[in-house]
Amino acid sequence: MDDGIVVVGAGGHAKVVIGTAIECGLKVSFILDDNPTKWGKEIFSTEIKGPISKFSKEKYPAIMAIGDNRTRKRIVETLEQFQWITIIHPSSYVHPSSKIGVGTVVFAGSIIQPDVRIGEHCIINTGATVDHDCVIGNFVHIAPGVNIAGGVTIEDGVFMGIGSKVVIGKKIGEWSIVGAGGVVVEDIPPEVIAKGLPAKPTKKTKEKR
């Protein structure tokens, strides 16, 4: 092992994570994935290895590159020895008063305003905005172009679909999904799928924690 980091996941999301890492001046040593058809192939000249479990007891500096929140959580829990890092793209803006948890990735063009609290292993995707005093839990994915107004609470495991929005002061319950383009104007309960303008719960999510 050289002085680089390990990226866990070798899908399309990994390309953006690796690109962000490179923009931050980091070297990626290798990529881990459980799909044997990917082993020996490369992303940006970096080799893909596996299975992930083979490396589970090693002490690597690492970052997750899996977009699905439940899968990301499950794999993090199997990699207890990994030393998770946080990556913030240099073109993003993060106010100094805000706090970002370990393992979180902030992609290009994102804006995080004062006194925001973001948990561990979150994805703040390309061009997303998070306004003042928001609280975001662990294993949350904020998709590209999402706009979150001030004072919003987003609990663990929430997925905010591309271009969705949340008005000031609202709460989204754990493991819920807000569909692409949805606009949250009322609190959303846990473990539901909410769609539309305004976003309304349509059904329960398929899995429980």
Protein backbone atom coordinates (compact mmCIF):
# COMPACT_ATOMS: atom_id res chain seq x y z
CA MET A 1 0.00 0.00 0.00
CA ASP A 2 1.38 3.40 -1.00
CA ASP A 3 0.38 6.75 0.45
CA GLY A 4 -2.89 6.94 -1.47
CA ILE A 5 -6.51 6.25 -0.53
CA VAL A 6 -8.90 3.40 -1.30
CA VAL A 7 -12.21 4.02 -3.05
CA VAL A 8 -15.03 1.56 -2.27
CA GLY A 9 -17.36 1.08 -5.23
CA ALA A 10 -16.67 0.99 -8.96
CA GLY A 11 -19.86 2.26 -10.61
CA GLY A 12 -20.55 5.57 -12.31
CA HIS A 13 -20.72 7.35 -8.96
CA ALA A 14 -17.14 6.23 -8.31
CA LYS A 15 -15.94 8.19 -11.34
CA VAL A 16 -17.19 11.41 -9.77
CA VAL A 17 -15.76 10.53 -6.35
CA ILE A 18 -12.37 9.70 -7.86
CA GLY A 19 -12.41 12.86 -9.97
CA THR A 20 -13.19 14.88 -6.85
CA ALA A 21 -10.39 13.18 -4.93
CA ILE A 22 -7.93 13.98 -7.70
CA GLU A 23 -9.04 17.63 -7.74
CA CYS A 24 -8.28 17.69 -4.01
CA GLY A 25 -4.72 16.49 -4.67
CA LEU A 26 -5.32 12.95 -3.41
CA LYS A 27 -3.92 9.79 -4.97
CA VAL A 28 -6.17 6.77 -5.34
CA SER A 29 -4.26 3.52 -4.74
CA PHE A 30 -6.99 1.10 -5.81
CA ILE A 31 -10.75 0.62 -6.04
CA LEU A 32 -12.79 -2.11 -4.31
CA ASP A 33 -15.94 -3.71 -5.68
CA ASP A 34 -17.81 -7.01 -5.17
CA ASN A 35 -18.58 -7.48 -8.88
CA PRO A 36 -16.00 -9.97 -10.22
CA THR A 37 -16.54 -8.80 -13.80
CA LYS A 38 -14.92 -5.49 -12.82
CA TRP A 39 -11.81 -6.95 -11.14
CA GLY A 40 -8.61 -6.13 -13.01
CA LYS A 41 -10.27 -3.30 -14.95
CA GLU A 42 -9.48 0.36 -14.33
CA ILE A 43 -11.13 3.71 -13.68
CA PHE A 44 -8.85 6.63 -14.53
CA SER A 45 -5.87 4.21 -14.62
CA THR A 46 -6.66 2.90 -11.12
CA GLU A 47 -7.17 -0.86 -10.73
CA ILE A 48 -10.40 -2.39 -9.42
CA LYS A 49 -9.96 -5.21 -6.89
CA GLY A 50 -12.28 -7.43 -4.87
CA PRO A 51 -14.16 -8.83 -3.14
CA ILE A 52 -14.54 -6.09 -0.55
CA SER A 53 -14.57 -8.60 2.31
CA LYS A 54 -11.02 -9.65 1.46
CA PHE A 55 -9.82 -6.22 2.61
CA SER A 56 -12.18 -5.75 5.57
CA LYS A 57 -9.58 -6.03 8.34
CA GLU A 58 -6.99 -3.70 6.84
CA LYS A 59 -6.41 -0.12 7.97
CA TYR A 60 -6.77 1.88 4.79
CA PRO A 61 -7.60 5.58 4.44
CA ALA A 62 -10.74 5.31 2.34
CA ILE A 63 -13.85 6.91 0.92
CA MET A 64 -17.17 5.34 -0.10
CA ALA A 65 -18.27 5.67 -3.73
CA ILE A 66 -21.66 3.94 -3.58
CA GLY A 67 -24.71 6.10 -4.17
CA ASP A 68 -27.35 3.86 -2.57
CA ASN A 69 -27.71 4.84 1.09
CA ARG A 70 -28.59 1.43 2.52
CA THR A 71 -25.78 -0.31 0.65
CA ARG A 72 -23.32 2.37 1.73
CA LYS A 73 -24.32 1.91 5.37
CA ARG A 74 -24.11 -1.87 5.19
CA ILE A 75 -20.63 -1.86 3.69
CA VAL A 76 -19.31 0.79 6.08
CA GLU A 77 -20.39 -1.43 8.96
CA THR A 78 -18.33 -4.32 7.54
CA LEU A 79 -15.17 -2.24 7.14
CA GLU A 80 -14.51 -1.38 10.77
CA GLN A 81 -10.76 -0.91 10.34
CA PHE A 82 -10.94 1.55 7.47
CA GLN A 83 -9.94 5.13 8.24
CA TRP A 84 -12.69 7.11 6.54
CA ILE A 85 -11.81 10.52 5.15
CA THR A 86 -13.92 13.50 4.08
CA ILE A 87 -13.54 14.99 0.60
CA ILE A 88 -14.70 18.49 -0.37
CA HIS A 89 -14.29 19.65 -3.97
CA PRO A 90 -12.29 22.89 -4.19
CA SER A 91 -14.99 24.57 -6.29
CA SER A 92 -17.63 24.07 -3.58
CA TYR A 93 -18.32 26.57 -0.81
CA VAL A 94 -18.54 25.48 2.81
CA HIS A 95 -18.95 28.19 5.43
CA PRO A 96 -16.36 27.86 8.22
CA SER A 97 -19.09 27.55 10.88
CA SER A 98 -20.53 24.42 9.29
CA LYS A 99 -19.53 20.89 10.32
CA ILE A 100 -19.20 17.92 7.98
CA GLY A 101 -18.94 14.35 9.25
CA VAL A 102 -16.30 11.79 8.38
CA GLY A 103 -16.76 9.90 5.12
CA THR A 104 -18.89 12.60 3.50
CA VAL A 105 -18.18 13.80 -0.04
CA VAL A 106 -19.10 17.30 -1.25
CA PHE A 107 -19.06 17.56 -5.03
CA ALA A 108 -18.27 20.43 -7.38
CA GLY A 109 -20.36 23.58 -7.21
CA SER A 110 -22.15 22.74 -3.97
CA ILE A 111 -22.90 25.47 -1.43
CA ILE A 112 -23.16 24.85 2.31
CA GLN A 113 -24.13 27.93 4.28
CA PRO A 114 -23.50 28.91 7.96
CA ASP A 115 -24.13 26.57 10.90
CA VAL A 116 -25.09 23.54 8.86
CA ARG A 117 -24.49 20.11 10.44
CA ILE A 118 -23.93 17.23 8.05
CA GLY A 119 -23.47 13.68 9.33
CA GLU A 120 -21.19 10.82 8.31
CA HIS A 121 -20.96 9.15 4.89
CA CYS A 122 -23.28 11.62 3.17
CA ILE A 123 -23.25 12.67 -0.47
CA ILE A 124 -23.74 16.35 -1.26
CA ASN A 125 -23.90 16.02 -5.01
CA THR A 126 -23.05 18.39 -7.85
CA GLY A 127 -24.49 21.89 -7.52
CA ALA A 128 -26.64 21.17 -4.45
CA THR A 129 -27.31 23.97 -1.96
CA VAL A 130 -27.86 23.62 1.79
CA ASP A 131 -28.84 26.84 3.53
CA HIS A 132 -28.23 28.04 7.10
CA ASP A 133 -28.89 25.96 10.22
CA CYS A 134 -29.83 22.74 8.47
CA VAL A 135 -29.22 19.40 10.18
CA ILE A 136 -28.51 16.43 7.93
CA GLY A 137 -28.13 12.95 9.38
CA ASN A 138 -25.86 10.04 8.42
CA PHE A 139 -25.95 8.18 5.08
CA VAL A 140 -27.98 10.87 3.34
CA HIS A 141 -27.73 11.45 -0.42
CA ILE A 142 -28.52 14.96 -1.67
CA ALA A 143 -28.67 14.55 -5.46
CA PRO A 144 -27.46 17.09 -8.07
CA GLY A 145 -29.28 20.41 -8.14
CA VAL A 146 -31.18 19.96 -4.87
CA ASN A 147 -32.04 23.16 -2.95
CA ILE A 148 -32.59 22.95 0.80
CA ALA A 149 -33.79 26.11 2.57
CA GLY A 150 -32.71 27.18 6.05
CA GLY A 151 -33.53 25.32 9.24
CA VAL A 152 -34.42 22.03 7.54
CA THR A 153 -33.88 18.68 9.28
CA ILE A 154 -33.10 15.66 7.11
CA GLU A 155 -32.81 12.44 9.10
CA ASP A 156 -30.57 9.40 8.50
CA GLY A 157 -30.71 7.61 5.17
CA VAL A 158 -32.86 10.11 3.26
CA PHE A 159 -32.48 10.32 -0.52
CA MET A 160 -33.32 13.68 -2.10
CA GLY A 161 -33.89 13.16 -5.84
CA ILE A 162 -32.32 15.35 -8.50
CA GLY A 163 -33.66 18.90 -8.56
CA SER A 164 -35.89 18.46 -5.51
CA LYS A 165 -36.44 21.26 -3.00
CA VAL A 166 -37.33 21.71 0.68
CA VAL A 167 -38.84 24.94 2.03
CA ILE A 168 -37.66 26.52 5.26
CA GLY A 169 -37.94 24.67 8.55
CA LYS A 170 -39.38 21.36 7.31
CA LYS A 171 -38.37 17.84 8.38
CA ILE A 172 -37.88 14.69 6.34
CA GLY A 173 -38.04 11.45 8.33
CA GLU A 174 -35.37 8.77 8.23
CA TRP A 175 -34.94 6.57 5.14
CA SER A 176 -37.52 8.47 3.12
CA ILE A 177 -37.14 9.26 -0.56
CA VAL A 178 -38.13 12.53 -2.21
CA GLY A 179 -38.61 12.03 -5.94
CA ALA A 180 -36.87 14.04 -8.63
CA GLY A 181 -38.25 17.56 -8.84
CA GLY A 182 -40.39 17.14 -5.73
CA VAL A 183 -41.02 20.19 -3.56
CA VAL A 184 -41.36 19.56 0.17
CA VAL A 185 -43.65 22.11 1.79
CA GLU A 186 -44.83 19.93 4.72
CA ASP A 187 -42.98 17.49 6.95
CA ILE A 188 -42.41 14.05 5.42
CA PRO A 189 -42.72 11.01 7.73
CA PRO A 190 -40.07 8.26 7.96
CA GLU A 191 -39.68 5.49 5.39
CA VAL A 192 -41.98 6.78 2.66
CA ILE A 193 -41.60 7.81 -0.98
CA ALA A 194 -42.84 11.37 -1.57
CA LYS A 195 -43.37 12.83 -5.02
CA GLY A 196 -44.80 15.88 -6.71
CA LEU A 197 -45.45 19.56 -6.10
CA PRO A 198 -46.16 19.67 -3.28
CA ALA A 199 -44.43 16.40 -2.42
CA LYS A 200 -46.89 13.89 -0.93
CA PRO A 201 -46.13 10.41 0.45
CA THR A 202 -47.31 7.80 -2.09
CA LYS A 203 -46.13 4.56 -0.46
CA LYS A 204 -43.75 3.08 2.07
CA THR A 205 -40.18 2.31 1.11
CA LYS A 206 -39.64 -1.38 0.37
CA GLU A 207 -37.03 -2.03 3.02
CA LYS A 208 -36.80 -1.35 6.71
CA ARG A 209 -33.58 -0.51 8.47
